[in-house]
Amino acid sequence: MTRQPVVATPIVYPDSDGMPMADNTKQFRAIVTIQGNLDALFRERADVFVAGDLLWYPVEGWPDIRRAPDVMVVFGRPKGDRGSYRQWEEGNTAPHVVFEVLSPSNTLTEMAAKLEFYDMYGVEEYYLYDPDTGDMSGWQRIDGRLRVIPELDGWVSPRLGVKFGRAVDGIQMYWPDGRPFLSFVELQALAEQERQRAEQERQRAERLAARLRELGVDPEQEA
């Protein structure tokens, strides 16, 4: 009797866990703002990968061991699109920094399990933000474990260089040069203000040039 060769069934690592990225507009806006600012912060670093709501598989052969951080930052890994982050295909590099944004549906048990997961699989910095209150908590890996950061006001992320500061509406994040993290709408508003300021300056210069010509003065010579 001839034996048939045994064909191993390939392990499937889904690119989606079937869960929504956010439960409401406030949570979604916070996730996009954090991810977008961090992506922009490291835009010139080809070796920094920033992602939002991407499934992370830390252990090969175990597709049930996974999490989809709201935002994660990995140093030493190239930019580029991915369906999921399979750690064994990424130089066995775990995400260095992870952000989670709370939603009303999150339970204490769920958040405790996430902290345990990030602690177990090597995250260096973990931040938990509540968009309803503006509160934020942080953990840093010390002596092989994630330890709570006692006070985020004035804290500077060792990995990101981002500063955290207390504002009227809660904890605010700042670029290393001191600029606050802003949403796309806020950035567009600033850009429009700058456009209007530049247009006003152009019109003022044109009026001045016209007045000089009326007086018989060459504006080019005056410039």
Foldseek 3Di string as FASTA:
>chain_A
DDDDDDDDDDDDQALDPPDDLADDDLLVQVLCLVQVVLCVLCVVPQFKEKDAQTWEALDPPDNVLIDGFRIFIWGRFGYDDDSHHYCVVGVSTDTQEGEHEDDPPDDPVNVVVVQVSCLVSPHAKYKYAYSVQQEMWMWGDDPSGTDTDPDQAQDADPVRRWHWHADPRYIWIAHNVGHTRDTPVVVVVVVVVVVVVVVVVVVVLVVVCVVCVVVVHHVVVVD
